[in-house]
Amino acid sequence: NPTWFETLTDELWERKVAALFCYEEEM
């Protein structure tokens, strides 16, 4: 039940996705 939200820009989200691409074998 989330009670704290970090709002994010497109650029910040793209960096998250880029980091997850480093772990592509785990996806």
mmCIF file of all heavy atoms, coordinates in Angstrom:
data_MODEL
# 
_entry.id   MODEL 
# 
loop_
_atom_site.group_PDB 
_atom_site.id 
_atom_site.type_symbol 
_atom_site.label_atom_id 
_atom_site.label_alt_id 
_atom_site.label_comp_id 
_atom_site.label_asym_id 
_atom_site.label_entity_id 
_atom_site.label_seq_id 
_atom_site.pdbx_PDB_ins_code 
_atom_site.Cartn_x 
_atom_site.Cartn_y 
_atom_site.Cartn_z 
_atom_site.occupancy 
_atom_site.B_iso_or_equiv 
_atom_site.pdbx_formal_charge 
_atom_site.auth_seq_id 
_atom_site.auth_comp_id 
_atom_site.auth_asym_id 
_atom_site.auth_atom_id 
_atom_site.pdbx_PDB_model_num 
ATOM 1   N N   . ASN A 1 1  ? 0.844  -1.194  0.000   1.00 0.00 ? 1  ASN A N   1 
ATOM 2   C CA  . ASN A 1 1  ? 0.000  0.000   0.000   1.00 0.00 ? 1  ASN A CA  1 
ATOM 3   C C   . ASN A 1 1  ? 0.881  1.246   0.000   1.00 0.00 ? 1  ASN A C   1 
ATOM 4   O O   . ASN A 1 1  ? 1.210  1.781   1.057   1.00 0.00 ? 1  ASN A O   1 
ATOM 5   C CB  . ASN A 1 1  ? -0.922 0.000   1.222   1.00 0.00 ? 1  ASN A CB  1 
ATOM 6   C CG  . ASN A 1 1  ? -1.845 1.199   1.243   1.00 0.00 ? 1  ASN A CG  1 
ATOM 7   O OD1 . ASN A 1 1  ? -2.264 1.687   0.192   1.00 0.00 ? 1  ASN A OD1 1 
ATOM 8   N ND2 . ASN A 1 1  ? -2.185 1.670   2.433   1.00 0.00 ? 1  ASN A ND2 1 
ATOM 9   N N   . PRO A 1 2  ? 1.278  1.728   -1.176  1.00 0.00 ? 2  PRO A N   1 
ATOM 10  C CA  . PRO A 1 2  ? 2.243  2.839   -1.229  1.00 0.00 ? 2  PRO A CA  1 
ATOM 11  C C   . PRO A 1 2  ? 1.693  4.128   -0.627  1.00 0.00 ? 2  PRO A C   1 
ATOM 12  O O   . PRO A 1 2  ? 0.545  4.488   -0.844  1.00 0.00 ? 2  PRO A O   1 
ATOM 13  C CB  . PRO A 1 2  ? 2.527  2.992   -2.724  1.00 0.00 ? 2  PRO A CB  1 
ATOM 14  C CG  . PRO A 1 2  ? 1.363  2.380   -3.414  1.00 0.00 ? 2  PRO A CG  1 
ATOM 15  C CD  . PRO A 1 2  ? 0.891  1.273   -2.525  1.00 0.00 ? 2  PRO A CD  1 
ATOM 16  N N   . THR A 1 3  ? 2.566  4.792   0.119   1.00 0.00 ? 3  THR A N   1 
ATOM 17  C CA  . THR A 1 3  ? 2.208  6.058   0.759   1.00 0.00 ? 3  THR A CA  1 
ATOM 18  C C   . THR A 1 3  ? 3.217  7.157   0.426   1.00 0.00 ? 3  THR A C   1 
ATOM 19  O O   . THR A 1 3  ? 3.106  8.266   0.930   1.00 0.00 ? 3  THR A O   1 
ATOM 20  C CB  . THR A 1 3  ? 2.142  5.880   2.285   1.00 0.00 ? 3  THR A CB  1 
ATOM 21  O OG1 . THR A 1 3  ? 3.346  5.228   2.734   1.00 0.00 ? 3  THR A OG1 1 
ATOM 22  C CG2 . THR A 1 3  ? 0.937  5.031   2.685   1.00 0.00 ? 3  THR A CG2 1 
ATOM 23  N N   . TRP A 1 4  ? 4.207  6.822   -0.406  1.00 0.00 ? 4  TRP A N   1 
ATOM 24  C CA  . TRP A 1 4  ? 5.245  7.786   -0.816  1.00 0.00 ? 4  TRP A CA  1 
ATOM 25  C C   . TRP A 1 4  ? 5.501  7.563   -2.301  1.00 0.00 ? 4  TRP A C   1 
ATOM 26  O O   . TRP A 1 4  ? 5.778  6.432   -2.710  1.00 0.00 ? 4  TRP A O   1 
ATOM 27  C CB  . TRP A 1 4  ? 6.523  7.562   -0.006  1.00 0.00 ? 4  TRP A CB  1 
ATOM 28  C CG  . TRP A 1 4  ? 7.633  8.531   -0.283  1.00 0.00 ? 4  TRP A CG  1 
ATOM 29  C CD1 . TRP A 1 4  ? 8.454  8.579   -1.368  1.00 0.00 ? 4  TRP A CD1 1 
ATOM 30  C CD2 . TRP A 1 4  ? 8.065  9.591   0.578   1.00 0.00 ? 4  TRP A CD2 1 
ATOM 31  N NE1 . TRP A 1 4  ? 9.365  9.583   -1.245  1.00 0.00 ? 4  TRP A NE1 1 
ATOM 32  C CE2 . TRP A 1 4  ? 9.151  10.226  -0.059  1.00 0.00 ? 4  TRP A CE2 1 
ATOM 33  C CE3 . TRP A 1 4  ? 7.641  10.042  1.832   1.00 0.00 ? 4  TRP A CE3 1 
ATOM 34  C CZ2 . TRP A 1 4  ? 9.822  11.307  0.523   1.00 0.00 ? 4  TRP A CZ2 1 
ATOM 35  C CZ3 . TRP A 1 4  ? 8.309  11.115  2.402   1.00 0.00 ? 4  TRP A CZ3 1 
ATOM 36  C CH2 . TRP A 1 4  ? 9.386  11.735  1.751   1.00 0.00 ? 4  TRP A CH2 1 
ATOM 37  N N   . PHE A 1 5  ? 5.399  8.599   -3.091  1.00 0.00 ? 5  PHE A N   1 
ATOM 38  C CA  . PHE A 1 5  ? 5.578  8.492   -4.540  1.00 0.00 ? 5  PHE A CA  1 
ATOM 39  C C   . PHE A 1 5  ? 6.674  9.438   -4.995  1.00 0.00 ? 5  PHE A C   1 
ATOM 40  O O   . PHE A 1 5  ? 6.625  10.636  -4.705  1.00 0.00 ? 5  PHE A O   1 
ATOM 41  C CB  . PHE A 1 5  ? 4.276  8.828   -5.272  1.00 0.00 ? 5  PHE A CB  1 
ATOM 42  C CG  . PHE A 1 5  ? 3.153  7.870   -5.004  1.00 0.00 ? 5  PHE A CG  1 
ATOM 43  C CD1 . PHE A 1 5  ? 2.383  7.982   -3.852  1.00 0.00 ? 5  PHE A CD1 1 
ATOM 44  C CD2 . PHE A 1 5  ? 2.861  6.849   -5.901  1.00 0.00 ? 5  PHE A CD2 1 
ATOM 45  C CE1 . PHE A 1 5  ? 1.342  7.103   -3.595  1.00 0.00 ? 5  PHE A CE1 1 
ATOM 46  C CE2 . PHE A 1 5  ? 1.826  5.962   -5.658  1.00 0.00 ? 5  PHE A CE2 1 
ATOM 47  C CZ  . PHE A 1 5  ? 1.070  6.087   -4.497  1.00 0.00 ? 5  PHE A CZ  1 
ATOM 48  N N   . GLU A 1 6  ? 7.661  8.899   -5.712  1.00 0.00 ? 6  GLU A N   1 
ATOM 49  C CA  . GLU A 1 6  ? 8.671  9.734   -6.344  1.00 0.00 ? 6  GLU A CA  1 
ATOM 50  C C   . GLU A 1 6  ? 8.243  9.965   -7.788  1.00 0.00 ? 6  GLU A C   1 
ATOM 51  O O   . GLU A 1 6  ? 8.227  9.034   -8.600  1.00 0.00 ? 6  GLU A O   1 
ATOM 52  C CB  . GLU A 1 6  ? 10.042 9.065   -6.293  1.00 0.00 ? 6  GLU A CB  1 
ATOM 53  C CG  . GLU A 1 6  ? 10.696 9.094   -4.928  1.00 0.00 ? 6  GLU A CG  1 
ATOM 54  C CD  . GLU A 1 6  ? 11.096 10.497  -4.482  1.00 0.00 ? 6  GLU A CD  1 
ATOM 55  O OE1 . GLU A 1 6  ? 11.267 11.389  -5.349  1.00 0.00 ? 6  GLU A OE1 1 
ATOM 56  O OE2 . GLU A 1 6  ? 11.239 10.698  -3.259  1.00 0.00 ? 6  GLU A OE2 1 
ATOM 57  N N   . THR A 1 7  ? 7.862  11.195  -8.103  1.00 0.00 ? 7  THR A N   1 
ATOM 58  C CA  . THR A 1 7  ? 7.439  11.519  -9.463  1.00 0.00 ? 7  THR A CA  1 
ATOM 59  C C   . THR A 1 7  ? 8.665  11.696  -10.349 1.00 0.00 ? 7  THR A C   1 
ATOM 60  O O   . THR A 1 7  ? 9.715  12.192  -9.903  1.00 0.00 ? 7  THR A O   1 
ATOM 61  C CB  . THR A 1 7  ? 6.572  12.783  -9.481  1.00 0.00 ? 7  THR A CB  1 
ATOM 62  O OG1 . THR A 1 7  ? 7.321  13.883  -8.944  1.00 0.00 ? 7  THR A OG1 1 
ATOM 63  C CG2 . THR A 1 7  ? 5.307  12.569  -8.650  1.00 0.00 ? 7  THR A CG2 1 
ATOM 64  N N   . LEU A 1 8  ? 8.531  11.288  -11.606 1.00 0.00 ? 8  LEU A N   1 
ATOM 65  C CA  . LEU A 1 8  ? 9.697  11.133  -12.473 1.00 0.00 ? 8  LEU A CA  1 
ATOM 66  C C   . LEU A 1 8  ? 9.444  11.700  -13.864 1.00 0.00 ? 8  LEU A C   1 
ATOM 67  O O   . LEU A 1 8  ? 8.319  11.676  -14.352 1.00 0.00 ? 8  LEU A O   1 
ATOM 68  C CB  . LEU A 1 8  ? 10.052 9.642   -12.583 1.00 0.00 ? 8  LEU A CB  1 
ATOM 69  C CG  . LEU A 1 8  ? 10.241 8.926   -11.244 1.00 0.00 ? 8  LEU A CG  1 
ATOM 70  C CD1 . LEU A 1 8  ? 10.092 7.429   -11.413 1.00 0.00 ? 8  LEU A CD1 1 
ATOM 71  C CD2 . LEU A 1 8  ? 11.597 9.282   -10.641 1.00 0.00 ? 8  LEU A CD2 1 
ATOM 72  N N   . THR A 1 9  ? 10.511 12.165  -14.496 1.00 0.00 ? 9  THR A N   1 
ATOM 73  C CA  . THR A 1 9  ? 10.441 12.659  -15.866 1.00 0.00 ? 9  THR A CA  1 
ATOM 74  C C   . THR A 1 9  ? 10.679 11.510  -16.839 1.00 0.00 ? 9  THR A C   1 
ATOM 75  O O   . THR A 1 9  ? 11.131 10.426  -16.462 1.00 0.00 ? 9  THR A O   1 
ATOM 76  C CB  . THR A 1 9  ? 11.510 13.731  -16.101 1.00 0.00 ? 9  THR A CB  1 
ATOM 77  O OG1 . THR A 1 9  ? 12.811 13.132  -15.916 1.00 0.00 ? 9  THR A OG1 1 
ATOM 78  C CG2 . THR A 1 9  ? 11.343 14.898  -15.130 1.00 0.00 ? 9  THR A CG2 1 
ATOM 79  N N   . ASP A 1 10 ? 10.416 11.780  -18.113 1.00 0.00 ? 10 ASP A N   1 
ATOM 80  C CA  . ASP A 1 10 ? 10.706 10.789  -19.151 1.00 0.00 ? 10 ASP A CA  1 
ATOM 81  C C   . ASP A 1 10 ? 12.181 10.398  -19.126 1.00 0.00 ? 10 ASP A C   1 
ATOM 82  O O   . ASP A 1 10 ? 12.530 9.220   -19.260 1.00 0.00 ? 10 ASP A O   1 
ATOM 83  C CB  . ASP A 1 10 ? 10.359 11.351  -20.532 1.00 0.00 ? 10 ASP A CB  1 
ATOM 84  C CG  . ASP A 1 10 ? 8.859  11.476  -20.766 1.00 0.00 ? 10 ASP A CG  1 
ATOM 85  O OD1 . ASP A 1 10 ? 8.083  10.862  -20.005 1.00 0.00 ? 10 ASP A OD1 1 
ATOM 86  O OD2 . ASP A 1 10 ? 8.464  12.176  -21.714 1.00 0.00 ? 10 ASP A OD2 1 
ATOM 87  N N   . GLU A 1 11 ? 13.054 11.391  -18.963 1.00 0.00 ? 11 GLU A N   1 
ATOM 88  C CA  . GLU A 1 11 ? 14.490 11.122  -18.980 1.00 0.00 ? 11 GLU A CA  1 
ATOM 89  C C   . GLU A 1 11 ? 14.901 10.191  -17.836 1.00 0.00 ? 11 GLU A C   1 
ATOM 90  O O   . GLU A 1 11 ? 15.693 9.257   -18.030 1.00 0.00 ? 11 GLU A O   1 
ATOM 91  C CB  . GLU A 1 11 ? 15.269 12.431  -18.876 1.00 0.00 ? 11 GLU A CB  1 
ATOM 92  C CG  . GLU A 1 11 ? 16.785 12.238  -18.875 1.00 0.00 ? 11 GLU A CG  1 
ATOM 93  C CD  . GLU A 1 11 ? 17.542 13.540  -18.696 1.00 0.00 ? 11 GLU A CD  1 
ATOM 94  O OE1 . GLU A 1 11 ? 16.905 14.601  -18.563 1.00 0.00 ? 11 GLU A OE1 1 
ATOM 95  O OE2 . GLU A 1 11 ? 18.782 13.478  -18.665 1.00 0.00 ? 11 GLU A OE2 1 
ATOM 96  N N   . LEU A 1 12 ? 14.370 10.444  -16.644 1.00 0.00 ? 12 LEU A N   1 
ATOM 97  C CA  . LEU A 1 12 ? 14.699 9.589   -15.502 1.00 0.00 ? 12 LEU A CA  1 
ATOM 98  C C   . LEU A 1 12 ? 14.180 8.174   -15.707 1.00 0.00 ? 12 LEU A C   1 
ATOM 99  O O   . LEU A 1 12 ? 14.860 7.195   -15.370 1.00 0.00 ? 12 LEU A O   1 
ATOM 100 C CB  . LEU A 1 12 ? 14.124 10.182  -14.216 1.00 0.00 ? 12 LEU A CB  1 
ATOM 101 C CG  . LEU A 1 12 ? 14.744 11.497  -13.741 1.00 0.00 ? 12 LEU A CG  1 
ATOM 102 C CD1 . LEU A 1 12 ? 13.942 12.081  -12.584 1.00 0.00 ? 12 LEU A CD1 1 
ATOM 103 C CD2 . LEU A 1 12 ? 16.200 11.299  -13.328 1.00 0.00 ? 12 LEU A CD2 1 
ATOM 104 N N   . TRP A 1 13 ? 12.979 8.059   -16.266 1.00 0.00 ? 13 TRP A N   1 
ATOM 105 C CA  . TRP A 1 13 ? 12.436 6.728   -16.518 1.00 0.00 ? 13 TRP A CA  1 
ATOM 106 C C   . TRP A 1 13 ? 13.268 5.985   -17.562 1.00 0.00 ? 13 TRP A C   1 
ATOM 107 O O   . TRP A 1 13 ? 13.507 4.779   -17.448 1.00 0.00 ? 13 TRP A O   1 
ATOM 108 C CB  . TRP A 1 13 ? 10.974 6.798   -16.956 1.00 0.00 ? 13 TRP A CB  1 
ATOM 109 C CG  . TRP A 1 13 ? 10.355 5.434   -16.928 1.00 0.00 ? 13 TRP A CG  1 
ATOM 110 C CD1 . TRP A 1 13 ? 10.173 4.575   -17.979 1.00 0.00 ? 13 TRP A CD1 1 
ATOM 111 C CD2 . TRP A 1 13 ? 9.885  4.743   -15.765 1.00 0.00 ? 13 TRP A CD2 1 
ATOM 112 N NE1 . TRP A 1 13 ? 9.623  3.404   -17.550 1.00 0.00 ? 13 TRP A NE1 1 
ATOM 113 C CE2 . TRP A 1 13 ? 9.437  3.479   -16.193 1.00 0.00 ? 13 TRP A CE2 1 
ATOM 114 C CE3 . TRP A 1 13 ? 9.796  5.075   -14.421 1.00 0.00 ? 13 TRP A CE3 1 
ATOM 115 C CZ2 . TRP A 1 13 ? 8.909  2.544   -15.312 1.00 0.00 ? 13 TRP A CZ2 1 
ATOM 116 C CZ3 . TRP A 1 13 ? 9.275  4.142   -13.534 1.00 0.00 ? 13 TRP A CZ3 1 
ATOM 117 C CH2 . TRP A 1 13 ? 8.833  2.895   -13.990 1.00 0.00 ? 13 TRP A CH2 1 
ATOM 118 N N   . GLU A 1 14 ? 13.722 6.701   -18.564 1.00 0.00 ? 14 GLU A N   1 
ATOM 119 C CA  . GLU A 1 14 ? 14.555 6.076   -19.602 1.00 0.00 ? 14 GLU A CA  1 
ATOM 120 C C   . GLU A 1 14 ? 15.855 5.548   -19.008 1.00 0.00 ? 14 GLU A C   1 
ATOM 121 O O   . GLU A 1 14 ? 16.379 4.521   -19.457 1.00 0.00 ? 14 GLU A O   1 
ATOM 122 C CB  . GLU A 1 14 ? 14.836 7.085   -20.712 1.00 0.00 ? 14 GLU A CB  1 
ATOM 123 C CG  . GLU A 1 14 ? 13.625 7.354   -21.600 1.00 0.00 ? 14 GLU A CG  1 
ATOM 124 C CD  . GLU A 1 14 ? 13.798 8.571   -22.490 1.00 0.00 ? 14 GLU A CD  1 
ATOM 125 O OE1 . GLU A 1 14 ? 14.926 9.148   -22.496 1.00 0.00 ? 14 GLU A OE1 1 
ATOM 126 O OE2 . GLU A 1 14 ? 12.837 8.949   -23.179 1.00 0.00 ? 14 GLU A OE2 1 
ATOM 127 N N   . ARG A 1 15 ? 16.385 6.231   -18.004 1.00 0.00 ? 15 ARG A N   1 
ATOM 128 C CA  . ARG A 1 15 ? 17.606 5.738   -17.347 1.00 0.00 ? 15 ARG A CA  1 
ATOM 129 C C   . ARG A 1 15 ? 17.321 4.450   -16.570 1.00 0.00 ? 15 ARG A C   1 
ATOM 130 O O   . ARG A 1 15 ? 18.160 3.547   -16.524 1.00 0.00 ? 15 ARG A O   1 
ATOM 131 C CB  . ARG A 1 15 ? 18.198 6.823   -16.452 1.00 0.00 ? 15 ARG A CB  1 
ATOM 132 C CG  . ARG A 1 15 ? 18.839 7.949   -17.264 1.00 0.00 ? 15 ARG A CG  1 
ATOM 133 C CD  . ARG A 1 15 ? 19.336 9.069   -16.397 1.00 0.00 ? 15 ARG A CD  1 
ATOM 134 N NE  . ARG A 1 15 ? 20.425 8.651   -15.518 1.00 0.00 ? 15 ARG A NE  1 
ATOM 135 C CZ  . ARG A 1 15 ? 20.974 9.454   -14.612 1.00 0.00 ? 15 ARG A CZ  1 
ATOM 136 N NH1 . ARG A 1 15 ? 20.533 10.682  -14.459 1.00 0.00 ? 15 ARG A NH1 1 
ATOM 137 N NH2 . ARG A 1 15 ? 21.965 9.011   -13.854 1.00 0.00 ? 15 ARG A NH2 1 
ATOM 138 N N   . LYS A 1 16 ? 16.178 4.362   -15.939 1.00 0.00 ? 16 LYS A N   1 
ATOM 139 C CA  . LYS A 1 16 ? 15.785 3.120   -15.273 1.00 0.00 ? 16 LYS A CA  1 
ATOM 140 C C   . LYS A 1 16 ? 15.730 1.972   -16.284 1.00 0.00 ? 16 LYS A C   1 
ATOM 141 O O   . LYS A 1 16 ? 16.264 0.881   -16.041 1.00 0.00 ? 16 LYS A O   1 
ATOM 142 C CB  . LYS A 1 16 ? 14.417 3.299   -14.613 1.00 0.00 ? 16 LYS A CB  1 
ATOM 143 C CG  . LYS A 1 16 ? 13.816 2.008   -14.001 1.00 0.00 ? 16 LYS A CG  1 
ATOM 144 C CD  . LYS A 1 16 ? 12.387 2.228   -13.583 1.00 0.00 ? 16 LYS A CD  1 
ATOM 145 C CE  . LYS A 1 16 ? 11.730 0.977   -13.015 1.00 0.00 ? 16 LYS A CE  1 
ATOM 146 N NZ  . LYS A 1 16 ? 11.986 0.796   -11.577 1.00 0.00 ? 16 LYS A NZ  1 
ATOM 147 N N   . VAL A 1 17 ? 15.066 2.224   -17.399 1.00 0.00 ? 17 VAL A N   1 
ATOM 148 C CA  . VAL A 1 17 ? 14.936 1.191   -18.431 1.00 0.00 ? 17 VAL A CA  1 
ATOM 149 C C   . VAL A 1 17 ? 16.313 0.797   -18.967 1.00 0.00 ? 17 VAL A C   1 
ATOM 150 O O   . VAL A 1 17 ? 16.593 -0.393  -19.190 1.00 0.00 ? 17 VAL A O   1 
ATOM 151 C CB  . VAL A 1 17 ? 14.012 1.675   -19.562 1.00 0.00 ? 17 VAL A CB  1 
ATOM 152 C CG1 . VAL A 1 17 ? 14.018 0.693   -20.723 1.00 0.00 ? 17 VAL A CG1 1 
ATOM 153 C CG2 . VAL A 1 17 ? 12.589 1.875   -19.038 1.00 0.00 ? 17 VAL A CG2 1 
ATOM 154 N N   . ALA A 1 18 ? 17.190 1.790   -19.165 1.00 0.00 ? 18 ALA A N   1 
ATOM 155 C CA  . ALA A 1 18 ? 18.544 1.489   -19.633 1.00 0.00 ? 18 ALA A CA  1 
ATOM 156 C C   . ALA A 1 18 ? 19.287 0.608   -18.634 1.00 0.00 ? 18 ALA A C   1 
ATOM 157 O O   . ALA A 1 18 ? 20.029 -0.308  -19.022 1.00 0.00 ? 18 ALA A O   1 
ATOM 158 C CB  . ALA A 1 18 ? 19.311 2.791   -19.875 1.00 0.00 ? 18 ALA A CB  1 
ATOM 159 N N   . ALA A 1 19 ? 19.098 0.869   -17.341 1.00 0.00 ? 19 ALA A N   1 
ATOM 160 C CA  . ALA A 1 19 ? 19.726 0.026   -16.317 1.00 0.00 ? 19 ALA A CA  1 
ATOM 161 C C   . ALA A 1 19 ? 19.168 -1.393  -16.372 1.00 0.00 ? 19 ALA A C   1 
ATOM 162 O O   . ALA A 1 19 ? 19.912 -2.377  -16.246 1.00 0.00 ? 19 ALA A O   1 
ATOM 163 C CB  . ALA A 1 19 ? 19.515 0.634   -14.934 1.00 0.00 ? 19 ALA A CB  1 
ATOM 164 N N   . LEU A 1 20 ? 17.852 -1.515  -16.576 1.00 0.00 ? 20 LEU A N   1 
ATOM 165 C CA  . LEU A 1 20 ? 17.245 -2.845  -16.659 1.00 0.00 ? 20 LEU A CA  1 
ATOM 166 C C   . LEU A 1 20 ? 17.718 -3.598  -17.902 1.00 0.00 ? 20 LEU A C   1 
ATOM 167 O O   . LEU A 1 20 ? 17.793 -4.833  -17.886 1.00 0.00 ? 20 LEU A O   1 
ATOM 168 C CB  . LEU A 1 20 ? 15.730 -2.725  -16.646 1.00 0.00 ? 20 LEU A CB  1 
ATOM 169 C CG  . LEU A 1 20 ? 15.123 -2.342  -15.292 1.00 0.00 ? 20 LEU A CG  1 
ATOM 170 C CD1 . LEU A 1 20 ? 13.626 -2.087  -15.414 1.00 0.00 ? 20 LEU A CD1 1 
ATOM 171 C CD2 . LEU A 1 20 ? 15.386 -3.439  -14.252 1.00 0.00 ? 20 LEU A CD2 1 
ATOM 172 N N   . PHE A 1 21 ? 18.054 -2.874  -18.967 1.00 0.00 ? 21 PHE A N   1 
ATOM 173 C CA  . PHE A 1 21 ? 18.606 -3.546  -20.148 1.00 0.00 ? 21 PHE A CA  1 
ATOM 174 C C   . PHE A 1 21 ? 19.953 -4.184  -19.825 1.00 0.00 ? 21 PHE A C   1 
ATOM 175 O O   . PHE A 1 21 ? 20.351 -5.167  -20.459 1.00 0.00 ? 21 PHE A O   1 
ATOM 176 C CB  . PHE A 1 21 ? 18.732 -2.570  -21.319 1.00 0.00 ? 21 PHE A CB  1 
ATOM 177 C CG  . PHE A 1 21 ? 17.548 -2.604  -22.244 1.00 0.00 ? 21 PHE A CG  1 
ATOM 178 C CD1 . PHE A 1 21 ? 16.648 -1.546  -22.286 1.00 0.00 ? 21 PHE A CD1 1 
ATOM 179 C CD2 . PHE A 1 21 ? 17.323 -3.698  -23.079 1.00 0.00 ? 21 PHE A CD2 1 
ATOM 180 C CE1 . PHE A 1 21 ? 15.549 -1.580  -23.132 1.00 0.00 ? 21 PHE A CE1 1 
ATOM 181 C CE2 . PHE A 1 21 ? 16.231 -3.744  -23.928 1.00 0.00 ? 21 PHE A CE2 1 
ATOM 182 C CZ  . PHE A 1 21 ? 15.336 -2.684  -23.956 1.00 0.00 ? 21 PHE A CZ  1 
ATOM 183 N N   . CYS A 1 22 ? 20.672 -3.641  -18.825 1.00 0.00 ? 22 CYS A N   1 
ATOM 184 C CA  . CYS A 1 22 ? 21.907 -4.292  -18.386 1.00 0.00 ? 22 CYS A CA  1 
ATOM 185 C C   . CYS A 1 22 ? 21.615 -5.688  -17.831 1.00 0.00 ? 22 CYS A C   1 
ATOM 186 O O   . CYS A 1 22 ? 22.448 -6.584  -17.915 1.00 0.00 ? 22 CYS A O   1 
ATOM 187 C CB  . CYS A 1 22 ? 22.589 -3.448  -17.310 1.00 0.00 ? 22 CYS A CB  1 
ATOM 188 S SG  . CYS A 1 22 ? 23.148 -1.820  -17.842 1.00 0.00 ? 22 CYS A SG  1 
ATOM 189 N N   . TYR A 1 23 ? 20.424 -5.846  -17.261 1.00 0.00 ? 23 TYR A N   1 
ATOM 190 C CA  . TYR A 1 23 ? 19.993 -7.121  -16.677 1.00 0.00 ? 23 TYR A CA  1 
ATOM 191 C C   . TYR A 1 23 ? 19.054 -7.869  -17.624 1.00 0.00 ? 23 TYR A C   1 
ATOM 192 O O   . TYR A 1 23 ? 18.174 -8.602  -17.164 1.00 0.00 ? 23 TYR A O   1 
ATOM 193 C CB  . TYR A 1 23 ? 19.259 -6.867  -15.361 1.00 0.00 ? 23 TYR A CB  1 
ATOM 194 C CG  . TYR A 1 23 ? 20.081 -6.245  -14.266 1.00 0.00 ? 23 TYR A CG  1 
ATOM 195 C CD1 . TYR A 1 23 ? 19.863 -4.923  -13.873 1.00 0.00 ? 23 TYR A CD1 1 
ATOM 196 C CD2 . TYR A 1 23 ? 21.054 -6.978  -13.590 1.00 0.00 ? 23 TYR A CD2 1 
ATOM 197 C CE1 . TYR A 1 23 ? 20.592 -4.349  -12.839 1.00 0.00 ? 23 TYR A CE1 1 
ATOM 198 C CE2 . TYR A 1 23 ? 21.789 -6.417  -12.556 1.00 0.00 ? 23 TYR A CE2 1 
ATOM 199 C CZ  . TYR A 1 23 ? 21.553 -5.101  -12.190 1.00 0.00 ? 23 TYR A CZ  1 
ATOM 200 O OH  . TYR A 1 23 ? 22.280 -4.551  -11.160 1.00 0.00 ? 23 TYR A OH  1 
ATOM 201 N N   . GLU A 1 24 ? 19.230 -7.704  -18.900 1.00 0.00 ? 24 GLU A N   1 
ATOM 202 C CA  . GLU A 1 24 ? 18.265 -8.228  -19.876 1.00 0.00 ? 24 GLU A CA  1 
ATOM 203 C C   . GLU A 1 24 ? 18.009 -9.724  -19.709 1.00 0.00 ? 24 GLU A C   1 
ATOM 204 O O   . GLU A 1 24 ? 16.884 -10.202 -19.910 1.00 0.00 ? 24 GLU A O   1 
ATOM 205 C CB  . GLU A 1 24 ? 18.754 -7.935  -21.294 1.00 0.00 ? 24 GLU A CB  1 
ATOM 206 C CG  . GLU A 1 24 ? 17.710 -8.141  -22.357 1.00 0.00 ? 24 GLU A CG  1 
ATOM 207 C CD  . GLU A 1 24 ? 18.124 -7.567  -23.698 1.00 0.00 ? 24 GLU A CD  1 
ATOM 208 O OE1 . GLU A 1 24 ? 19.286 -7.157  -23.841 1.00 0.00 ? 24 GLU A OE1 1 
ATOM 209 O OE2 . GLU A 1 24 ? 17.273 -7.534  -24.603 1.00 0.00 ? 24 GLU A OE2 1 
ATOM 210 N N   . GLU A 1 25 ? 19.031 -10.472 -19.293 1.00 0.00 ? 25 GLU A N   1 
ATOM 211 C CA  . GLU A 1 25 ? 18.852 -11.917 -19.115 1.00 0.00 ? 25 GLU A CA  1 
ATOM 212 C C   . GLU A 1 25 ? 17.906 -12.240 -17.960 1.00 0.00 ? 25 GLU A C   1 
ATOM 213 O O   . GLU A 1 25 ? 17.348 -13.340 -17.894 1.00 0.00 ? 25 GLU A O   1 
ATOM 214 C CB  . GLU A 1 25 ? 20.205 -12.591 -18.884 1.00 0.00 ? 25 GLU A CB  1 
ATOM 215 C CG  . GLU A 1 25 ? 21.094 -12.632 -20.117 1.00 0.00 ? 25 GLU A CG  1 
ATOM 216 C CD  . GLU A 1 25 ? 22.330 -13.477 -19.896 1.00 0.00 ? 25 GLU A CD  1 
ATOM 217 O OE1 . GLU A 1 25 ? 22.420 -14.143 -18.829 1.00 0.00 ? 25 GLU A OE1 1 
ATOM 218 O OE2 . GLU A 1 25 ? 23.192 -13.491 -20.782 1.00 0.00 ? 25 GLU A OE2 1 
ATOM 219 N N   . GLU A 1 26 ? 17.724 -11.302 -17.045 1.00 0.00 ? 26 GLU A N   1 
ATOM 220 C CA  . GLU A 1 26 ? 16.827 -11.509 -15.914 1.00 0.00 ? 26 GLU A CA  1 
ATOM 221 C C   . GLU A 1 26 ? 15.384 -11.090 -16.229 1.00 0.00 ? 26 GLU A C   1 
ATOM 222 O O   . GLU A 1 26 ? 14.470 -11.398 -15.457 1.00 0.00 ? 26 GLU A O   1 
ATOM 223 C CB  . GLU A 1 26 ? 17.312 -10.705 -14.696 1.00 0.00 ? 26 GLU A CB  1 
ATOM 224 C CG  . GLU A 1 26 ? 18.739 -11.003 -14.271 1.00 0.00 ? 26 GLU A CG  1 
ATOM 225 C CD  . GLU A 1 26 ? 18.936 -12.453 -13.887 1.00 0.00 ? 26 GLU A CD  1 
ATOM 226 O OE1 . GLU A 1 26 ? 18.067 -13.005 -13.179 1.00 0.00 ? 26 GLU A OE1 1 
ATOM 227 O OE2 . GLU A 1 26 ? 19.954 -13.043 -14.309 1.00 0.00 ? 26 GLU A OE2 1 
ATOM 228 N N   . MET A 1 27 ? 15.205 -10.388 -17.338 1.00 0.00 ? 27 MET A N   1 
ATOM 229 C CA  . MET A 1 27 ? 13.871 -9.944  -17.720 1.00 0.00 ? 27 MET A CA  1 
ATOM 230 C C   . MET A 1 27 ? 13.130 -11.071 -18.429 1.00 0.00 ? 27 MET A C   1 
ATOM 231 O O   . MET A 1 27 ? 13.729 -12.056 -18.867 1.00 0.00 ? 27 MET A O   1 
ATOM 232 C CB  . MET A 1 27 ? 13.963 -8.705  -18.606 1.00 0.00 ? 27 MET A CB  1 
ATOM 233 C CG  . MET A 1 27 ? 14.689 -7.531  -17.958 1.00 0.00 ? 27 MET A CG  1 
ATOM 234 S SD  . MET A 1 27 ? 13.883 -6.918  -16.470 1.00 0.00 ? 27 MET A SD  1 
ATOM 235 C CE  . MET A 1 27 ? 12.483 -6.047  -17.196 1.00 0.00 ? 27 MET A CE  1 
# 
